[in-house]
N, C-alpha and C. Protein backbone atom coordinates (compact mmCIF):
# COMPACT_ATOMS: atom_id res chain seq x y z
N MET A 1 0.85 -1.17 0.00
CA MET A 1 0.00 0.00 0.00
C MET A 1 0.90 1.24 0.00
N ALA A 2 0.62 2.18 -0.84
CA ALA A 2 1.46 3.37 -1.00
C ALA A 2 1.28 4.37 0.14
N GLN A 3 0.14 4.35 0.83
CA GLN A 3 -0.12 5.29 1.91
C GLN A 3 -0.51 4.54 3.17
N SER A 4 -0.39 5.23 4.29
CA SER A 4 -0.84 4.67 5.56
C SER A 4 -2.08 5.43 6.01
N PHE A 5 -3.07 4.69 6.48
CA PHE A 5 -4.32 5.29 6.93
C PHE A 5 -4.59 4.88 8.36
N SER A 6 -5.11 5.82 9.13
CA SER A 6 -5.40 5.51 10.52
C SER A 6 -6.39 6.53 11.07
N LYS A 7 -7.35 6.06 11.84
CA LYS A 7 -8.21 6.94 12.61
C LYS A 7 -8.59 6.17 13.88
N VAL A 8 -7.85 6.45 14.94
CA VAL A 8 -8.05 5.80 16.22
C VAL A 8 -8.52 6.86 17.20
N TYR A 9 -9.74 6.67 17.70
CA TYR A 9 -10.30 7.61 18.68
C TYR A 9 -9.91 7.15 20.08
N LEU A 10 -9.42 8.09 20.89
CA LEU A 10 -9.03 7.78 22.26
C LEU A 10 -9.61 8.78 23.23
N HIS A 11 -9.99 8.27 24.39
CA HIS A 11 -10.47 9.09 25.50
C HIS A 11 -9.35 9.08 26.54
N PHE A 12 -8.79 10.25 26.79
CA PHE A 12 -7.71 10.39 27.77
C PHE A 12 -8.25 11.05 29.03
N VAL A 13 -7.76 10.60 30.17
CA VAL A 13 -8.07 11.22 31.45
C VAL A 13 -6.76 11.34 32.21
N PHE A 14 -6.48 12.54 32.70
CA PHE A 14 -5.32 12.72 33.58
C PHE A 14 -5.57 13.88 34.51
N ALA A 15 -4.83 13.90 35.60
CA ALA A 15 -5.08 14.85 36.68
C ALA A 15 -3.86 15.70 36.98
N THR A 16 -4.12 16.76 37.70
CA THR A 16 -3.03 17.57 38.23
C THR A 16 -2.30 16.74 39.29
N LYS A 17 -1.06 17.07 39.54
CA LYS A 17 -0.31 16.34 40.55
C LYS A 17 -1.02 16.46 41.89
N TYR A 18 -1.14 15.33 42.57
CA TYR A 18 -1.85 15.22 43.85
C TYR A 18 -3.31 15.65 43.73
N ARG A 19 -3.81 15.70 42.51
CA ARG A 19 -5.19 16.11 42.22
C ARG A 19 -5.52 17.45 42.88
N GLN A 20 -4.56 18.35 42.85
CA GLN A 20 -4.80 19.70 43.38
C GLN A 20 -5.78 20.41 42.46
N LYS A 21 -6.66 21.17 43.03
CA LYS A 21 -7.68 21.90 42.27
C LYS A 21 -7.06 23.21 41.76
N LEU A 22 -6.32 23.10 40.67
CA LEU A 22 -5.55 24.23 40.15
C LEU A 22 -6.12 24.84 38.87
N ILE A 23 -7.02 24.15 38.21
CA ILE A 23 -7.51 24.64 36.92
C ILE A 23 -8.79 25.45 37.17
N SER A 24 -8.64 26.74 37.23
CA SER A 24 -9.76 27.65 37.47
C SER A 24 -10.60 27.79 36.21
N PRO A 25 -11.84 28.28 36.34
CA PRO A 25 -12.65 28.51 35.14
C PRO A 25 -11.95 29.44 34.14
N ALA A 26 -11.26 30.45 34.64
CA ALA A 26 -10.55 31.36 33.73
C ALA A 26 -9.42 30.63 33.00
N MET A 27 -8.71 29.75 33.73
CA MET A 27 -7.62 29.00 33.10
C MET A 27 -8.17 27.98 32.10
N GLU A 28 -9.31 27.37 32.40
CA GLU A 28 -9.93 26.43 31.47
C GLU A 28 -10.13 27.05 30.09
N LYS A 29 -10.61 28.27 30.08
CA LYS A 29 -10.91 28.95 28.81
C LYS A 29 -9.68 29.15 27.95
N LEU A 30 -8.53 29.18 28.58
CA LEU A 30 -7.27 29.32 27.84
C LEU A 30 -6.61 27.97 27.60
N LEU A 31 -6.66 27.11 28.62
CA LEU A 31 -5.96 25.83 28.57
C LEU A 31 -6.53 24.87 27.53
N TYR A 32 -7.84 24.72 27.48
CA TYR A 32 -8.42 23.72 26.59
C TYR A 32 -8.16 24.05 25.12
N PRO A 33 -8.31 25.30 24.69
CA PRO A 33 -7.93 25.60 23.30
C PRO A 33 -6.43 25.40 23.04
N TYR A 34 -5.62 25.68 24.06
CA TYR A 34 -4.18 25.47 23.90
C TYR A 34 -3.88 23.99 23.69
N ILE A 35 -4.50 23.13 24.50
CA ILE A 35 -4.31 21.70 24.34
C ILE A 35 -4.81 21.24 22.97
N ALA A 36 -5.92 21.79 22.51
CA ALA A 36 -6.42 21.46 21.17
C ALA A 36 -5.35 21.79 20.12
N GLY A 37 -4.69 22.91 20.29
CA GLY A 37 -3.61 23.29 19.38
C GLY A 37 -2.45 22.32 19.41
N ILE A 38 -2.09 21.85 20.59
CA ILE A 38 -1.02 20.85 20.72
C ILE A 38 -1.40 19.59 19.94
N ILE A 39 -2.63 19.15 20.16
CA ILE A 39 -3.10 17.93 19.48
C ILE A 39 -3.01 18.11 17.96
N LYS A 40 -3.47 19.24 17.46
CA LYS A 40 -3.42 19.50 16.01
C LYS A 40 -1.98 19.55 15.51
N ASN A 41 -1.10 20.20 16.28
CA ASN A 41 0.30 20.31 15.87
C ASN A 41 0.98 18.96 15.73
N TYR A 42 0.53 17.99 16.50
CA TYR A 42 1.11 16.65 16.41
C TYR A 42 0.37 15.74 15.45
N GLY A 43 -0.65 16.27 14.79
CA GLY A 43 -1.35 15.50 13.76
C GLY A 43 -2.61 14.81 14.22
N GLY A 44 -3.06 15.08 15.44
CA GLY A 44 -4.31 14.53 15.92
C GLY A 44 -5.46 15.49 15.64
N MET A 45 -6.66 15.02 15.90
CA MET A 45 -7.84 15.86 15.74
C MET A 45 -8.55 15.94 17.10
N PRO A 46 -8.53 17.12 17.75
CA PRO A 46 -9.24 17.25 19.02
C PRO A 46 -10.75 17.27 18.77
N ILE A 47 -11.49 16.53 19.56
CA ILE A 47 -12.93 16.46 19.39
C ILE A 47 -13.65 17.08 20.58
N ALA A 48 -13.20 16.76 21.80
CA ALA A 48 -13.80 17.33 23.00
C ALA A 48 -12.74 17.40 24.09
N ILE A 49 -12.71 18.53 24.79
CA ILE A 49 -11.81 18.71 25.92
C ILE A 49 -12.60 19.44 27.00
N ASN A 50 -12.59 18.89 28.19
CA ASN A 50 -13.27 19.53 29.32
C ASN A 50 -12.81 18.83 30.58
N GLY A 51 -13.16 19.40 31.70
CA GLY A 51 -12.76 18.76 32.94
C GLY A 51 -13.21 19.51 34.16
N MET A 52 -12.44 19.33 35.19
CA MET A 52 -12.69 19.90 36.50
C MET A 52 -11.41 20.56 36.98
N PRO A 53 -11.44 21.22 38.13
CA PRO A 53 -10.22 21.88 38.61
C PRO A 53 -9.04 20.94 38.83
N ASP A 54 -9.30 19.63 38.99
CA ASP A 54 -8.20 18.71 39.28
C ASP A 54 -7.92 17.67 38.19
N HIS A 55 -8.71 17.64 37.12
CA HIS A 55 -8.45 16.66 36.07
C HIS A 55 -9.14 17.08 34.77
N ILE A 56 -8.69 16.47 33.67
CA ILE A 56 -9.33 16.76 32.39
C ILE A 56 -9.58 15.48 31.59
N HIS A 57 -10.52 15.60 30.67
CA HIS A 57 -10.86 14.54 29.73
C HIS A 57 -10.62 15.10 28.33
N ILE A 58 -10.04 14.27 27.49
CA ILE A 58 -9.80 14.64 26.10
C ILE A 58 -10.30 13.50 25.22
N LEU A 59 -11.07 13.83 24.22
CA LEU A 59 -11.39 12.89 23.15
C LEU A 59 -10.71 13.42 21.90
N SER A 60 -9.82 12.62 21.34
CA SER A 60 -9.14 13.03 20.11
C SER A 60 -8.74 11.79 19.32
N THR A 61 -8.29 12.04 18.12
CA THR A 61 -7.70 10.95 17.36
C THR A 61 -6.22 10.89 17.71
N LEU A 62 -5.67 9.72 17.56
CA LEU A 62 -4.24 9.51 17.80
C LEU A 62 -3.49 9.82 16.52
N PRO A 63 -2.47 10.67 16.59
CA PRO A 63 -1.67 10.92 15.39
C PRO A 63 -1.09 9.61 14.85
N ARG A 64 -1.04 9.50 13.57
CA ARG A 64 -0.58 8.29 12.91
C ARG A 64 0.88 7.96 13.23
N THR A 65 1.67 8.97 13.59
CA THR A 65 3.12 8.78 13.76
C THR A 65 3.58 8.68 15.21
N LEU A 66 2.65 8.74 16.17
CA LEU A 66 3.05 8.70 17.58
C LEU A 66 2.37 7.55 18.31
N SER A 67 3.06 7.04 19.30
CA SER A 67 2.43 6.07 20.20
C SER A 67 1.55 6.84 21.18
N ILE A 68 0.69 6.12 21.87
CA ILE A 68 -0.16 6.76 22.89
C ILE A 68 0.72 7.43 23.94
N ALA A 69 1.75 6.74 24.40
CA ALA A 69 2.63 7.29 25.44
C ALA A 69 3.33 8.57 24.96
N GLU A 70 3.82 8.57 23.74
CA GLU A 70 4.49 9.76 23.20
C GLU A 70 3.51 10.93 23.08
N PHE A 71 2.31 10.64 22.62
CA PHE A 71 1.29 11.67 22.45
C PHE A 71 0.93 12.29 23.80
N MET A 72 0.69 11.46 24.80
CA MET A 72 0.36 11.96 26.13
C MET A 72 1.51 12.77 26.72
N GLN A 73 2.71 12.26 26.54
CA GLN A 73 3.89 12.97 27.06
C GLN A 73 3.97 14.37 26.48
N GLU A 74 3.73 14.51 25.19
CA GLU A 74 3.82 15.82 24.56
C GLU A 74 2.68 16.74 24.98
N ILE A 75 1.47 16.22 25.07
CA ILE A 75 0.35 17.05 25.51
C ILE A 75 0.61 17.57 26.92
N LYS A 76 1.03 16.69 27.81
CA LYS A 76 1.27 17.10 29.19
C LYS A 76 2.48 18.02 29.31
N ARG A 77 3.56 17.69 28.60
CA ARG A 77 4.77 18.51 28.67
C ARG A 77 4.52 19.93 28.15
N CYS A 78 3.94 20.01 26.97
CA CYS A 78 3.71 21.33 26.36
C CYS A 78 2.71 22.16 27.16
N SER A 79 1.63 21.55 27.61
CA SER A 79 0.62 22.31 28.35
C SER A 79 1.13 22.73 29.72
N SER A 80 1.89 21.88 30.37
CA SER A 80 2.45 22.24 31.68
C SER A 80 3.42 23.41 31.56
N LYS A 81 4.26 23.36 30.55
CA LYS A 81 5.20 24.45 30.31
C LYS A 81 4.45 25.76 30.04
N TRP A 82 3.40 25.68 29.24
CA TRP A 82 2.61 26.86 28.90
C TRP A 82 1.90 27.43 30.13
N ILE A 83 1.28 26.57 30.94
CA ILE A 83 0.57 27.03 32.14
C ILE A 83 1.52 27.78 33.06
N LYS A 84 2.71 27.26 33.25
CA LYS A 84 3.69 27.89 34.14
C LYS A 84 4.03 29.31 33.70
N GLN A 85 3.91 29.59 32.42
CA GLN A 85 4.23 30.91 31.89
C GLN A 85 3.08 31.90 31.97
N GLN A 86 1.88 31.42 32.33
CA GLN A 86 0.70 32.28 32.33
C GLN A 86 0.61 33.19 33.55
N ASP A 87 1.10 32.71 34.68
CA ASP A 87 0.93 33.47 35.92
C ASP A 87 1.91 32.89 36.95
N PRO A 88 2.54 33.75 37.75
CA PRO A 88 3.45 33.24 38.78
C PRO A 88 2.79 32.23 39.73
N ALA A 89 1.48 32.33 39.90
CA ALA A 89 0.77 31.39 40.78
C ALA A 89 0.85 29.96 40.24
N TYR A 90 1.11 29.80 38.94
CA TYR A 90 1.19 28.48 38.32
C TYR A 90 2.63 28.02 38.12
N SER A 91 3.59 28.68 38.73
CA SER A 91 5.00 28.40 38.47
C SER A 91 5.41 26.97 38.82
N SER A 92 4.69 26.32 39.72
CA SER A 92 5.04 24.94 40.07
C SER A 92 4.01 23.94 39.56
N PHE A 93 3.17 24.35 38.61
CA PHE A 93 2.13 23.46 38.08
C PHE A 93 2.75 22.22 37.45
N THR A 94 2.14 21.07 37.73
CA THR A 94 2.57 19.80 37.16
C THR A 94 1.37 18.88 37.02
N TRP A 95 1.35 18.13 35.93
CA TRP A 95 0.36 17.06 35.79
C TRP A 95 0.87 15.84 36.52
N GLN A 96 -0.03 14.95 36.91
CA GLN A 96 0.38 13.69 37.52
C GLN A 96 1.20 12.90 36.51
N GLY A 97 1.96 11.94 36.99
CA GLY A 97 2.81 11.15 36.09
C GLY A 97 2.03 10.25 35.16
N GLY A 98 0.92 9.71 35.62
CA GLY A 98 0.18 8.74 34.82
C GLY A 98 -0.97 9.34 34.06
N TYR A 99 -1.68 8.47 33.36
CA TYR A 99 -2.85 8.86 32.59
C TYR A 99 -3.65 7.59 32.30
N ALA A 100 -4.84 7.77 31.83
CA ALA A 100 -5.64 6.65 31.33
C ALA A 100 -5.99 6.96 29.88
N ALA A 101 -5.93 5.94 29.05
CA ALA A 101 -6.31 6.07 27.65
C ALA A 101 -7.26 4.92 27.32
N PHE A 102 -8.43 5.28 26.83
CA PHE A 102 -9.46 4.29 26.51
C PHE A 102 -9.79 4.37 25.03
N SER A 103 -9.86 3.23 24.38
CA SER A 103 -10.27 3.23 22.98
C SER A 103 -11.75 3.54 22.89
N VAL A 104 -12.13 4.19 21.80
CA VAL A 104 -13.51 4.64 21.62
C VAL A 104 -14.03 4.13 20.28
N ASN A 105 -15.16 3.48 20.33
CA ASN A 105 -15.83 3.05 19.12
C ASN A 105 -16.37 4.30 18.41
N PRO A 106 -16.06 4.49 17.13
CA PRO A 106 -16.54 5.69 16.43
C PRO A 106 -18.06 5.87 16.51
N TYR A 107 -18.79 4.76 16.60
CA TYR A 107 -20.25 4.84 16.66
C TYR A 107 -20.75 5.34 18.02
N ASN A 108 -19.89 5.32 19.03
CA ASN A 108 -20.25 5.82 20.38
C ASN A 108 -19.63 7.18 20.67
N LYS A 109 -18.99 7.75 19.69
CA LYS A 109 -18.24 8.99 19.87
C LYS A 109 -19.12 10.13 20.38
N GLU A 110 -20.29 10.32 19.81
CA GLU A 110 -21.14 11.46 20.20
C GLU A 110 -21.61 11.35 21.65
N ARG A 111 -21.86 10.15 22.12
CA ARG A 111 -22.25 9.97 23.52
C ARG A 111 -21.10 10.38 24.44
N LEU A 112 -19.88 10.05 24.07
CA LEU A 112 -18.71 10.43 24.86
C LEU A 112 -18.49 11.94 24.81
N VAL A 113 -18.71 12.55 23.67
CA VAL A 113 -18.59 14.01 23.57
C VAL A 113 -19.52 14.68 24.58
N LYS A 114 -20.77 14.22 24.65
CA LYS A 114 -21.73 14.78 25.62
C LYS A 114 -21.26 14.55 27.04
N TYR A 115 -20.73 13.37 27.32
CA TYR A 115 -20.21 13.07 28.66
C TYR A 115 -19.09 14.04 29.03
N ILE A 116 -18.17 14.26 28.11
CA ILE A 116 -17.06 15.18 28.39
C ILE A 116 -17.56 16.61 28.54
N GLN A 117 -18.48 17.03 27.70
CA GLN A 117 -19.02 18.39 27.79
C GLN A 117 -19.78 18.63 29.09
N ASN A 118 -20.32 17.58 29.67
CA ASN A 118 -21.13 17.71 30.89
C ASN A 118 -20.38 17.33 32.15
N GLN A 119 -19.09 17.54 32.18
CA GLN A 119 -18.30 17.17 33.35
C GLN A 119 -18.76 17.87 34.63
N LYS A 120 -19.08 19.12 34.55
CA LYS A 120 -19.48 19.86 35.77
C LYS A 120 -20.75 19.23 36.37
N THR A 121 -21.71 18.93 35.54
CA THR A 121 -22.95 18.31 36.01
C THR A 121 -22.66 16.91 36.55
N HIS A 122 -21.88 16.15 35.82
CA HIS A 122 -21.54 14.79 36.23
C HIS A 122 -20.89 14.78 37.60
N HIS A 123 -19.96 15.72 37.82
CA HIS A 123 -19.22 15.71 39.08
C HIS A 123 -20.00 16.34 40.25
N SER A 124 -21.17 16.85 39.98
CA SER A 124 -22.02 17.26 41.10
C SER A 124 -22.63 16.02 41.76
N LYS A 125 -22.55 14.87 41.07
CA LYS A 125 -23.12 13.63 41.57
C LYS A 125 -22.06 12.58 41.91
N GLN A 126 -20.88 12.68 41.30
CA GLN A 126 -19.85 11.67 41.51
C GLN A 126 -18.48 12.33 41.54
N ASP A 127 -17.63 11.92 42.48
CA ASP A 127 -16.29 12.49 42.58
C ASP A 127 -15.35 11.83 41.55
N PHE A 128 -14.15 12.37 41.44
CA PHE A 128 -13.19 11.89 40.47
C PHE A 128 -12.83 10.42 40.71
N LYS A 129 -12.62 10.06 41.97
CA LYS A 129 -12.24 8.67 42.26
C LYS A 129 -13.31 7.70 41.77
N GLY A 130 -14.57 7.98 42.05
CA GLY A 130 -15.65 7.11 41.59
C GLY A 130 -15.73 7.06 40.08
N GLU A 131 -15.57 8.21 39.46
CA GLU A 131 -15.60 8.27 38.00
C GLU A 131 -14.47 7.45 37.39
N PHE A 132 -13.27 7.63 37.91
CA PHE A 132 -12.09 6.98 37.34
C PHE A 132 -12.15 5.46 37.51
N VAL A 133 -12.50 5.02 38.71
CA VAL A 133 -12.63 3.57 38.94
C VAL A 133 -13.72 3.00 38.04
N GLY A 134 -14.81 3.74 37.86
CA GLY A 134 -15.88 3.30 36.97
C GLY A 134 -15.40 3.15 35.54
N LEU A 135 -14.58 4.08 35.08
CA LEU A 135 -14.04 3.99 33.72
C LEU A 135 -13.11 2.78 33.58
N LEU A 136 -12.25 2.57 34.57
CA LEU A 136 -11.36 1.41 34.53
C LEU A 136 -12.18 0.11 34.49
N ASP A 137 -13.21 0.03 35.33
CA ASP A 137 -14.05 -1.16 35.37
C ASP A 137 -14.79 -1.35 34.04
N LYS A 138 -15.36 -0.28 33.52
CA LYS A 138 -16.10 -0.36 32.26
C LYS A 138 -15.23 -0.90 31.13
N HIS A 139 -13.96 -0.50 31.13
CA HIS A 139 -13.04 -0.91 30.08
C HIS A 139 -12.25 -2.17 30.44
N LYS A 140 -12.64 -2.78 31.58
CA LYS A 140 -12.03 -4.04 32.01
C LYS A 140 -10.51 -3.93 32.16
N ILE A 141 -10.07 -2.83 32.74
CA ILE A 141 -8.65 -2.62 33.00
C ILE A 141 -8.37 -3.06 34.43
N GLU A 142 -7.43 -3.98 34.58
CA GLU A 142 -7.07 -4.46 35.91
C GLU A 142 -6.24 -3.41 36.64
N TYR A 143 -6.47 -3.29 37.93
CA TYR A 143 -5.75 -2.31 38.75
C TYR A 143 -5.82 -2.74 40.20
N GLN A 144 -4.93 -2.17 40.97
CA GLN A 144 -4.99 -2.32 42.42
C GLN A 144 -5.28 -0.93 42.97
N GLU A 145 -6.42 -0.77 43.58
CA GLU A 145 -6.86 0.55 44.00
C GLU A 145 -5.88 1.25 44.93
N LYS A 146 -5.15 0.49 45.73
CA LYS A 146 -4.19 1.12 46.65
C LYS A 146 -3.10 1.88 45.91
N TYR A 147 -2.89 1.55 44.63
CA TYR A 147 -1.84 2.25 43.85
C TYR A 147 -2.40 3.36 42.96
N LEU A 148 -3.71 3.52 42.92
CA LEU A 148 -4.30 4.53 42.04
C LEU A 148 -4.07 5.95 42.53
N TRP A 149 -4.03 6.14 43.81
CA TRP A 149 -4.10 7.51 44.34
C TRP A 149 -2.81 8.01 44.95
N ASP A 150 -1.71 7.29 44.79
CA ASP A 150 -0.42 7.76 45.34
C ASP A 150 0.18 8.83 44.48
């Protein structure tokens, strides 16, 4: 085949270090478009980005030339560097070391977009820990809960 084709939809979830509530509504308005730009620059297509003060959800395509780990590393590295430059209050901002990446069936994409867009409403009923464990369980990812929150 003369060309390579790929369209892999992924749902990413990652948090601020120690799940500190650092992402203010004002910062969200700047951060999410910035992350969308990072995704585009690496060849992905951002579809939905939203979150809470301590974590974010991203639905995007995976760039054809990067692994999931490389893609996440670049999104987190570039956005963390950018946030630190926005205000002295963010000078020590850091994302947590880990992340979750879930494959998404293209036919279920719109339902996930609504879920991501409605994070504020969702989290009025369920905290991050419950949400995250639920996602791991739904996707049948094995884990030891004692290691999730360190």
